[in-house]
Structure formats: C-alpha cells, structure tokens
Amino acid sequence: MNVLIVTSWYPNDKSQIAGVFIKEQAKALLTVGLNPIVLFPYDGSIGKKQLKYNIEDGIPTYRANTDYMKNSFISKGNSLIKTKKLIKKVVIKEDIDIIHSHVCYPSGFAVYFYSISSKIPYVITEHMSTIYNFQKKFYNRLLFKKSYKNARRVITVSSFLRDELKNMGFRFNSEIIPNVVDAADYEISKKSDKNSFNILFIGRMDDDEVKGIKYLIPAFANAVNKNKEYDLKLTLVGDGAKRSEYEKLSKDCGIENNCEFVGRVLKKSIPYYISNCDFLVLPSIKETFGSVLIEAMAGGKPILATNCGGPNDIVNNKVGILVEKENVNALEKGIADMIQHYDEFDSDYIRNEVHNKYSYEAVGNKLKNLYLNILEK
C-alpha cells in the first residue's frame, strides 16, 4: 500500500525538531510493511519553485516551498493552488492508494481541494492546539469544516483534542491514535540512593508559560522544605524568554542550589537526562498529547503530570500521578506522593506500556488497519 503523507510540519535544515513526530509516524508505516511517501510543500529552507526529492531514512521525500509571497493572504491562496498540483503530480508518479494529511491548516485544506476531483480517500491527523485562533476567520473556518467533514477519518492524538474540536462545532468521523516513541533509544536505569531524588522537567520556557513552570518551582520549594530527610534536585531542560525569570524565582524561593537549568539540548541527548532522573514532571496548563511523558516511560520512569488534556489519556496509577493544573499545592502533594510511593512503581511495566501503545509497531498497525478498513469500503 502506497501512502502519501502531505504535512504542514516536517524536519528540515532550519529545524530538525519541527514535526519530528510526523517523521516518526512515517517510520512506523515503514515498519509494518507499508510504503510511505512524504510531501512537505512548506519547506522554507529551500528556494521557491523548486521540488527536491530524496530518500530520507528509507522514505521517498518531496520538498517544496509554496508559501513565499510577502502578502500573507495572497501567498496562502497561491500555496493552496501549487500544493494541489504537487499532490496530483506525486499521486500519479507514486501510484498512491490513500492520502494522509498531518495538520489541517494548511495541508489538509490542499488535500481537500485535491479530493474534489479525485476518488482517492484521505485522512487527517490533527496535532495543532491553536485551531481556535485560526478558525476565527470565516474563510478558514469554512475550510476546516469542509476538510474535516470530507475526510474518511480525523485522527487526533488525544481525546482532549478530539473533544476540543467538536466543541468548536466541527463534525467528523473520529479516531484516536497517539504519537510514536522509539523505546530503543532508552534504557531502564535502577535507582541507587533511596534518600535522593532527581526530578526532571523538559519543555519550553516561552512567554505563554503554558508548561506551568511558575507553579512547579514554588511547589518544588515547598517539597524541599517539608521533606528534609531527602536530597531533592530539580533539573530543568529547555530554554525560552522566561528562563531568566524562572532562575530568579528559584533564588527567591531559596532553592537555587537544588535547581539546575540546563538550557536547550539536542533531541539525541534526551535519553541521557531521562536515564539520570528518578521521575519526570510535566506541570502544563495545556497539552494536546505530551510526548515527553512517553519518552520518560520508555526509560521506565514514573511520571507526574497535570490534568491538562493529553496526559489524561496517558497517566494511570501504574505509571504515575495526575494532579490538578495551575495549583502549587497539588503539585507539591504530587511530588511528595511520588517520593513516598516510589517503590510501588514497576519500571518494566512502565516501559512495556510504551511498547504496547506507542511503539512503531503499535502505532503503525493501528494506522495500517485504519487504511485497510477505509480502502475495503
């Protein structure tokens, strides 16, 4: 089966992280015997009017830059037309059976326009958490409605995102399929000192403060002060406009010696930090999924997260603790509960959860069965 992936985001020369989870899903399709072909028509790292083709990690990949005009509105319209033509070209050349768009805005729009004159079915995986802002413009809302409604399935990475879309008034045939994590990059490391805990945070430190660090630091400070019998350390991996403010907050709370701000690291370094932590905390205000939780679980680490969307589908009492969001006291209690009940978590069980639900094979087979079901009808 030949599957054309038309994506709004994908790693390129400017950023190897942007859309990396979409590339991981393409690898998942390859793992289960399908033939994924990627079309990324929004690659700003290459010149306009170019179409580049390469085999990337075993996947035929087409790259173009269709959105390059100074006037944003005109550029988006021009991009839709050009992307539709590119889809038609690749469909014919690669003998495509089904099209899979990642993110409706804008790739899903282009796939919908192509489908008007084609019998090839398409599905959309929605990852974007900011659709509410985009759909405020009437023409965007109309295109979202048409694109979702005519898709054979609209896949979301969490029930939270599915419900959010439906609460905006969008109607579609839904499916929940999570992102992929390659557990092979992670190893289980056993805890050696029962009286010390290295807590890990990984995430952005941007102005929107969506990762909830302003609640985490005072919660951690309270935990340090109330659990003197333990040596507690908080390692914060990530960077952004708010980093210096968070560093100051840790000093104001009197825990600067307990906190280490590492800054931004390469993705290949994440397994190292997970291996050297005891548990991971994600105190977000909103998450559509929460890939870092799965990465920690792949290393056999229990997780502490907030009730903020995506984590609700991931966290159960065998893999971690879920607490109220935007609540310092709840986070503090979560940290204390994790420390006191740490020995009750089974690292092998936690890692197996990743293999069973989020591995290349697990996600790849879910997508394969979905495609087959659609094509058989």
Protein backbone atom coordinates (compact mmCIF):
# COMPACT_ATOMS: atom_id res chain seq x y z
CA MET A 1 0.00 0.00 0.00
CA ASN A 2 1.36 3.41 -1.03
CA VAL A 3 0.52 6.16 1.44
CA LEU A 4 1.10 9.82 0.59
CA ILE A 5 1.81 11.90 3.68
CA VAL A 6 1.13 15.59 3.00
CA THR A 7 2.35 17.52 6.01
CA SER A 8 2.29 21.09 7.29
CA TRP A 9 5.31 20.44 9.54
CA TYR A 10 8.44 18.35 8.97
CA PRO A 11 12.11 18.46 9.99
CA ASN A 12 14.32 20.47 7.64
CA ASP A 13 17.69 22.24 7.53
CA LYS A 14 16.36 25.07 9.73
CA SER A 15 14.97 22.78 12.44
CA GLN A 16 15.43 19.06 12.98
CA ILE A 17 12.79 19.10 15.72
CA ALA A 18 9.82 20.74 13.96
CA GLY A 19 7.35 18.00 13.04
CA VAL A 20 9.72 15.21 14.07
CA PHE A 21 6.75 13.21 15.43
CA ILE A 22 5.29 13.17 11.90
CA LYS A 23 8.53 11.69 10.57
CA GLU A 24 8.34 9.09 13.35
CA GLN A 25 4.84 8.12 12.18
CA ALA A 26 6.15 7.73 8.63
CA LYS A 27 8.81 5.36 10.01
CA ALA A 28 6.06 3.47 11.82
CA LEU A 29 4.29 2.86 8.49
CA LEU A 30 7.55 1.58 7.02
CA THR A 31 7.97 -0.77 9.99
CA VAL A 32 4.63 -2.51 9.34
CA GLY A 33 5.28 -3.05 5.63
CA LEU A 34 3.61 -0.01 4.07
CA ASN A 35 5.20 2.40 1.58
CA PRO A 36 5.02 5.95 2.94
CA ILE A 37 5.87 8.83 0.61
CA VAL A 38 6.22 12.30 2.14
CA LEU A 39 5.30 15.62 0.50
CA PHE A 40 6.33 18.67 2.52
CA PRO A 41 5.25 21.70 0.44
CA TYR A 42 6.09 24.32 3.11
CA ASP A 43 9.85 23.90 3.44
CA GLY A 44 11.13 27.45 3.87
CA SER A 45 14.73 26.23 3.79
CA ILE A 46 14.68 25.72 0.02
CA GLY A 47 14.18 28.11 -2.88
CA LYS A 48 10.79 28.90 -4.38
CA LYS A 49 9.67 26.97 -7.46
CA GLN A 50 11.96 24.08 -6.52
CA LEU A 51 10.88 20.49 -5.97
CA LYS A 52 13.53 18.44 -4.21
CA TYR A 53 13.44 14.67 -3.98
CA ASN A 54 15.49 12.41 -1.74
CA ILE A 55 15.24 9.10 0.08
CA GLU A 56 15.32 10.09 3.76
CA ASP A 57 15.59 7.24 6.29
CA GLY A 58 14.21 4.90 3.64
CA ILE A 59 11.25 7.18 2.88
CA PRO A 60 10.81 8.90 -0.54
CA THR A 61 10.51 12.58 0.36
CA TYR A 62 9.45 15.53 -1.79
CA ARG A 63 10.12 19.06 -0.57
CA ALA A 64 8.91 22.38 -1.98
CA ASN A 65 8.37 25.96 -0.80
CA THR A 66 4.92 27.06 -1.96
CA ASP A 67 4.28 29.77 0.64
CA TYR A 68 6.80 32.53 -0.07
CA MET A 69 4.99 35.75 -1.03
CA LYS A 70 5.15 38.88 1.12
CA ASN A 71 1.38 39.31 1.23
CA SER A 72 0.28 36.52 3.57
CA PHE A 73 -3.29 36.22 2.28
CA ILE A 74 -2.25 36.05 -1.39
CA SER A 75 0.61 33.70 -0.52
CA LYS A 76 -1.70 31.24 1.25
CA GLY A 77 -4.06 31.17 -1.74
CA ASN A 78 -1.20 30.71 -4.16
CA SER A 79 0.22 27.97 -1.93
CA LEU A 80 -3.07 26.04 -1.95
CA ILE A 81 -3.11 26.01 -5.76
CA LYS A 82 0.53 24.98 -6.05
CA THR A 83 0.24 22.31 -3.35
CA LYS A 84 -2.83 20.81 -5.02
CA LYS A 85 -0.82 20.49 -8.26
CA LEU A 86 2.09 18.89 -6.41
CA ILE A 87 -0.25 16.37 -4.77
CA LYS A 88 -1.62 15.40 -8.18
CA LYS A 89 1.90 15.01 -9.58
CA VAL A 90 3.12 12.80 -6.73
CA VAL A 91 -0.10 10.74 -6.65
CA ILE A 92 0.37 9.79 -10.29
CA LYS A 93 4.12 9.19 -10.05
CA GLU A 94 3.96 7.08 -6.87
CA ASP A 95 0.65 5.29 -7.60
CA ILE A 96 -0.87 6.43 -4.31
CA ASP A 97 -3.68 4.44 -2.64
CA ILE A 98 -4.55 6.78 0.24
CA ILE A 99 -3.53 10.28 1.38
CA HIS A 100 -2.74 11.15 4.99
CA SER A 101 -2.57 14.84 5.87
CA HIS A 102 -0.83 15.88 9.06
CA VAL A 103 -2.39 19.09 10.41
CA CYS A 104 -5.43 20.50 8.65
CA TYR A 105 -4.03 24.04 8.35
CA PRO A 106 -2.84 24.29 5.63
CA SER A 107 -2.02 20.83 4.23
CA GLY A 108 -5.47 19.43 4.95
CA PHE A 109 -7.02 22.30 3.00
CA ALA A 110 -4.91 21.44 -0.05
CA VAL A 111 -5.74 17.73 0.25
CA TYR A 112 -9.45 18.56 0.46
CA PHE A 113 -9.26 20.66 -2.72
CA TYR A 114 -7.45 17.83 -4.48
CA SER A 115 -10.08 15.31 -3.33
CA ILE A 116 -12.86 17.24 -5.10
CA SER A 117 -11.59 15.91 -8.44
CA SER A 118 -10.13 12.63 -7.18
CA LYS A 119 -11.51 9.37 -5.82
CA ILE A 120 -8.50 8.74 -3.60
CA PRO A 121 -9.62 8.79 0.06
CA TYR A 122 -7.85 10.89 2.65
CA VAL A 123 -7.48 11.11 6.42
CA ILE A 124 -6.27 13.98 8.58
CA THR A 125 -4.26 13.75 11.77
CA GLU A 126 -4.72 16.92 13.79
CA HIS A 127 -1.87 17.90 16.10
CA MET A 128 -2.44 21.63 16.36
CA SER A 129 -3.64 23.10 19.66
CA THR A 130 -4.21 26.64 18.31
CA ILE A 131 -7.01 25.91 15.83
CA TYR A 132 -9.40 28.16 17.76
CA ASN A 133 -7.37 31.21 16.74
CA PHE A 134 -7.12 30.21 13.08
CA GLN A 135 -10.80 29.33 12.68
CA LYS A 136 -11.90 32.81 13.78
CA LYS A 137 -11.54 33.97 10.16
CA PHE A 138 -14.68 32.87 8.34
CA TYR A 139 -12.87 31.50 5.26
CA ASN A 140 -10.55 29.41 7.44
CA ARG A 141 -13.49 28.07 9.45
CA LEU A 142 -15.27 27.10 6.24
CA LEU A 143 -12.18 25.24 5.01
CA PHE A 144 -11.72 23.48 8.35
CA LYS A 145 -15.34 22.33 8.21
CA LYS A 146 -15.08 21.08 4.62
CA SER A 147 -11.71 19.39 5.14
CA TYR A 148 -12.74 17.59 8.35
CA LYS A 149 -16.18 16.59 7.09
CA ASN A 150 -14.92 15.06 3.84
CA ALA A 151 -12.03 13.17 5.46
CA ARG A 152 -12.72 9.46 5.94
CA ARG A 153 -11.28 9.88 9.44
CA VAL A 154 -9.99 12.76 11.51
CA ILE A 155 -7.35 11.35 13.81
CA THR A 156 -6.42 13.17 17.00
CA VAL A 157 -3.55 12.31 19.32
CA SER A 158 -5.78 12.55 22.40
CA SER A 159 -9.43 12.52 23.42
CA PHE A 160 -8.90 16.04 24.76
CA LEU A 161 -8.07 17.42 21.30
CA ARG A 162 -10.96 15.49 19.72
CA ASP A 163 -13.41 16.97 22.21
CA GLU A 164 -11.95 20.43 21.79
CA LEU A 165 -12.51 20.30 18.02
CA LYS A 166 -16.06 19.04 18.42
CA ASN A 167 -16.82 21.76 20.96
CA MET A 168 -15.85 24.29 18.29
CA GLY A 169 -18.66 22.86 16.15
CA PHE A 170 -16.60 20.69 13.78
CA ARG A 171 -18.16 17.37 12.76
CA PHE A 172 -16.13 14.37 11.59
CA ASN A 173 -15.56 10.64 11.87
CA SER A 174 -13.04 10.47 14.70
CA GLU A 175 -10.20 8.16 15.63
CA ILE A 176 -7.59 8.47 18.39
CA ILE A 177 -4.07 7.33 17.51
CA PRO A 178 -1.16 8.66 19.60
CA ASN A 179 2.30 9.80 18.58
CA VAL A 180 5.20 7.38 18.29
CA VAL A 181 8.15 7.00 20.64
CA ASP A 182 11.10 4.76 19.77
CA ALA A 183 11.81 2.93 23.03
CA ALA A 184 15.05 1.58 21.57
CA ASP A 185 16.68 4.93 22.37
CA TYR A 186 16.01 4.47 26.10
CA GLU A 187 17.22 2.06 28.75
CA ILE A 188 16.00 1.31 32.26
CA SER A 189 18.37 2.51 34.98
CA LYS A 190 17.81 1.36 38.55
CA LYS A 191 17.73 3.78 41.50
CA SER A 192 20.80 3.51 43.77
CA ASP A 193 20.12 6.01 46.58
CA LYS A 194 16.72 5.81 48.29
CA ASN A 195 17.21 9.15 50.04
CA SER A 196 17.86 11.29 46.95
CA PHE A 197 15.55 12.16 44.10
CA ASN A 198 16.44 13.86 40.84
CA ILE A 199 13.25 15.28 39.34
CA LEU A 200 13.32 16.16 35.64
CA PHE A 201 11.40 18.77 33.65
CA ILE A 202 11.74 19.01 29.86
CA GLY A 203 9.96 21.74 27.91
CA ARG A 204 9.77 25.26 26.57
CA MET A 205 10.16 28.36 28.73
CA ASP A 206 8.24 30.74 26.46
CA ASP A 207 6.19 33.83 27.23
CA ASP A 208 2.90 31.90 27.09
CA GLU A 209 4.03 29.94 30.20
CA VAL A 210 1.91 27.02 29.02
CA LYS A 211 4.31 24.50 30.56
CA GLY A 212 3.39 25.65 34.08
CA ILE A 213 6.92 26.17 35.44
CA LYS A 214 5.75 29.14 37.51
CA TYR A 215 3.72 26.62 39.55
CA LEU A 216 6.39 23.92 39.58
CA ILE A 217 9.21 25.94 41.16
CA PRO A 218 7.30 27.08 44.29
CA ALA A 219 5.76 23.59 44.59
CA PHE A 220 9.23 22.07 44.48
CA ALA A 221 10.46 24.63 47.03
CA ASN A 222 7.69 23.59 49.42
CA ALA A 223 8.56 19.92 48.87
CA VAL A 224 12.24 20.61 49.65
CA ASN A 225 11.36 22.45 52.87
CA LYS A 226 8.88 19.81 54.07
CA ASN A 227 10.95 16.73 53.19
CA LYS A 228 14.30 17.49 54.80
CA GLU A 229 15.14 13.79 55.09
CA TYR A 230 15.52 13.64 51.29
CA ASP A 231 18.08 15.22 48.97
CA LEU A 232 15.88 16.72 46.24
CA LYS A 233 17.13 18.13 42.94
CA LEU A 234 15.18 19.61 40.03
CA THR A 235 16.80 19.54 36.59
CA LEU A 236 15.12 21.81 34.04
CA VAL A 237 15.92 21.10 30.38
CA GLY A 238 14.73 23.78 27.94
CA ASP A 239 15.03 27.43 27.11
CA GLY A 240 12.99 30.48 26.21
CA ALA A 241 12.18 34.07 27.04
CA LYS A 242 11.11 33.22 30.60
CA ARG A 243 14.21 31.26 31.59
CA SER A 244 15.93 34.09 33.47
CA GLU A 245 12.67 34.83 35.29
CA TYR A 246 12.41 31.19 36.40
CA GLU A 247 16.03 31.21 37.54
CA LYS A 248 15.26 34.29 39.65
CA LEU A 249 12.14 32.60 41.03
CA SER A 250 14.21 29.63 42.19
CA LYS A 251 16.54 32.05 44.02
CA ASP A 252 13.63 33.93 45.57
CA CYS A 253 12.26 30.59 46.81
CA GLY A 254 15.65 29.75 48.32
CA ILE A 255 16.22 26.64 46.23
CA GLU A 256 18.78 27.82 43.66
CA ASN A 257 21.19 25.14 44.90
CA ASN A 258 18.55 22.47 44.32
CA CYS A 259 17.80 23.57 40.75
CA GLU A 260 19.89 23.11 37.63
CA PHE A 261 18.87 24.97 34.48
CA VAL A 262 20.47 23.04 31.63
CA GLY A 263 19.12 25.02 28.68
CA ARG A 264 18.19 23.64 25.29
CA VAL A 265 19.70 20.27 24.34
CA LEU A 266 19.70 18.11 21.22
CA LYS A 267 16.95 15.53 20.98
CA LYS A 268 19.55 12.75 21.00
CA SER A 269 20.59 13.91 24.49
CA ILE A 270 17.10 13.47 26.00
CA PRO A 271 17.61 9.75 26.82
CA TYR A 272 20.67 10.71 28.90
CA TYR A 273 18.69 13.10 31.08
CA ILE A 274 15.83 10.63 31.46
CA SER A 275 18.25 7.87 32.43
CA ASN A 276 19.70 10.10 35.15
CA CYS A 277 16.39 11.18 36.68
CA ASP A 278 14.12 9.36 39.11
CA PHE A 279 10.87 10.72 37.74
CA LEU A 280 9.67 13.33 35.28
CA VAL A 281 7.20 16.13 35.98
CA LEU A 282 5.12 17.93 33.36
CA PRO A 283 3.13 20.72 35.10
CA SER A 284 1.48 22.08 31.93
CA ILE A 285 -1.59 24.25 31.72
CA LYS A 286 -2.50 22.64 28.38
CA GLU A 287 -1.14 19.68 26.41
CA THR A 288 -2.71 18.08 23.34
CA PHE A 289 -0.53 15.00 23.88
CA GLY A 290 2.67 15.10 25.95
CA SER A 291 5.42 13.21 24.09
CA VAL A 292 7.96 13.82 26.84
CA LEU A 293 5.82 11.70 29.20
CA ILE A 294 6.10 8.74 26.83
CA GLU A 295 9.84 9.30 26.47
CA ALA A 296 10.25 9.14 30.25
CA MET A 297 8.11 6.00 30.39
CA ALA A 298 10.30 4.41 27.69
CA GLY A 299 13.13 4.74 30.21
CA GLY A 300 10.98 3.05 32.84
CA LYS A 301 10.48 6.28 34.81
CA PRO A 302 7.22 7.13 36.56
CA ILE A 303 5.61 10.44 35.62
CA LEU A 304 3.89 13.29 37.43
CA ALA A 305 1.60 15.37 35.22
CA THR A 306 -1.28 17.79 35.45
CA ASN A 307 -4.87 17.24 34.41
CA CYS A 308 -4.48 19.41 31.31
CA GLY A 309 -5.63 17.38 28.30
CA GLY A 310 -3.31 14.88 26.63
CA PRO A 311 -1.82 13.48 29.86
CA ASN A 312 -5.30 12.32 30.90
CA ASP A 313 -5.07 9.57 28.25
CA ILE A 314 -1.53 8.60 29.27
CA VAL A 315 -1.31 8.64 33.07
CA ASN A 316 -2.79 5.89 35.22
CA ASN A 317 -1.87 4.87 38.76
CA LYS A 318 0.55 2.20 37.49
CA VAL A 319 2.70 4.65 35.54
CA GLY A 320 2.41 7.86 37.56
CA ILE A 321 0.33 10.52 39.25
CA LEU A 322 -2.10 13.06 37.79
CA VAL A 323 -2.80 16.28 39.72
CA GLU A 324 -4.82 19.46 39.27
CA LYS A 325 -3.31 22.04 36.92
CA GLU A 326 -2.33 25.60 37.90
CA ASN A 327 -2.18 24.53 41.54
CA VAL A 328 1.02 24.81 43.58
CA ASN A 329 -0.36 22.76 46.49
CA ALA A 330 -1.49 19.95 44.19
CA LEU A 331 1.94 19.78 42.54
CA GLU A 332 3.66 19.80 45.93
CA LYS A 333 1.48 16.91 47.10
CA GLY A 334 2.17 15.07 43.83
CA ILE A 335 5.92 15.37 44.38
CA ALA A 336 5.57 14.17 48.00
CA ASP A 337 3.34 11.25 46.97
CA MET A 338 5.77 10.24 44.22
CA ILE A 339 8.68 10.21 46.69
CA GLN A 340 6.78 8.27 49.36
CA HIS A 341 5.33 5.67 46.97
CA TYR A 342 8.23 5.50 44.52
CA ASP A 343 8.99 1.82 45.19
CA GLU A 344 5.46 0.86 44.15
CA PHE A 345 6.15 1.75 40.51
CA ASP A 346 7.44 -1.06 38.28
CA SER A 347 9.95 0.16 35.69
CA ASP A 348 9.45 -2.86 33.44
CA TYR A 349 5.68 -2.42 33.45
CA ILE A 350 6.02 1.28 32.62
CA ARG A 351 8.35 0.57 29.70
CA ASN A 352 6.06 -2.19 28.39
CA GLU A 353 3.20 0.32 28.32
CA VAL A 354 5.19 2.28 25.75
CA HIS A 355 5.86 -0.81 23.64
CA ASN A 356 2.19 -1.83 23.72
CA LYS A 357 0.71 1.59 22.95
CA TYR A 358 3.27 3.98 21.47
CA SER A 359 5.92 1.93 19.61
CA TYR A 360 6.49 1.91 15.84
CA GLU A 361 4.69 -1.43 15.66
CA ALA A 362 1.73 -0.42 17.83
CA VAL A 363 1.01 2.89 16.08
CA GLY A 364 1.95 1.57 12.64
CA ASN A 365 -0.51 -1.32 12.91
CA LYS A 366 -3.30 0.98 14.11
CA LEU A 367 -2.80 3.17 11.05
CA LYS A 368 -2.47 0.19 8.72
CA ASN A 369 -5.74 -1.31 9.95
CA LEU A 370 -7.44 2.06 9.58
CA TYR A 371 -6.24 2.44 5.98
CA LEU A 372 -7.31 -1.10 5.09
CA ASN A 373 -10.75 -0.54 6.58
CA ILE A 374 -11.19 2.64 4.54
CA LEU A 375 -9.95 1.11 1.26
CA GLU A 376 -12.10 -2.01 1.65
CA LYS A 377 -15.20 0.21 1.76
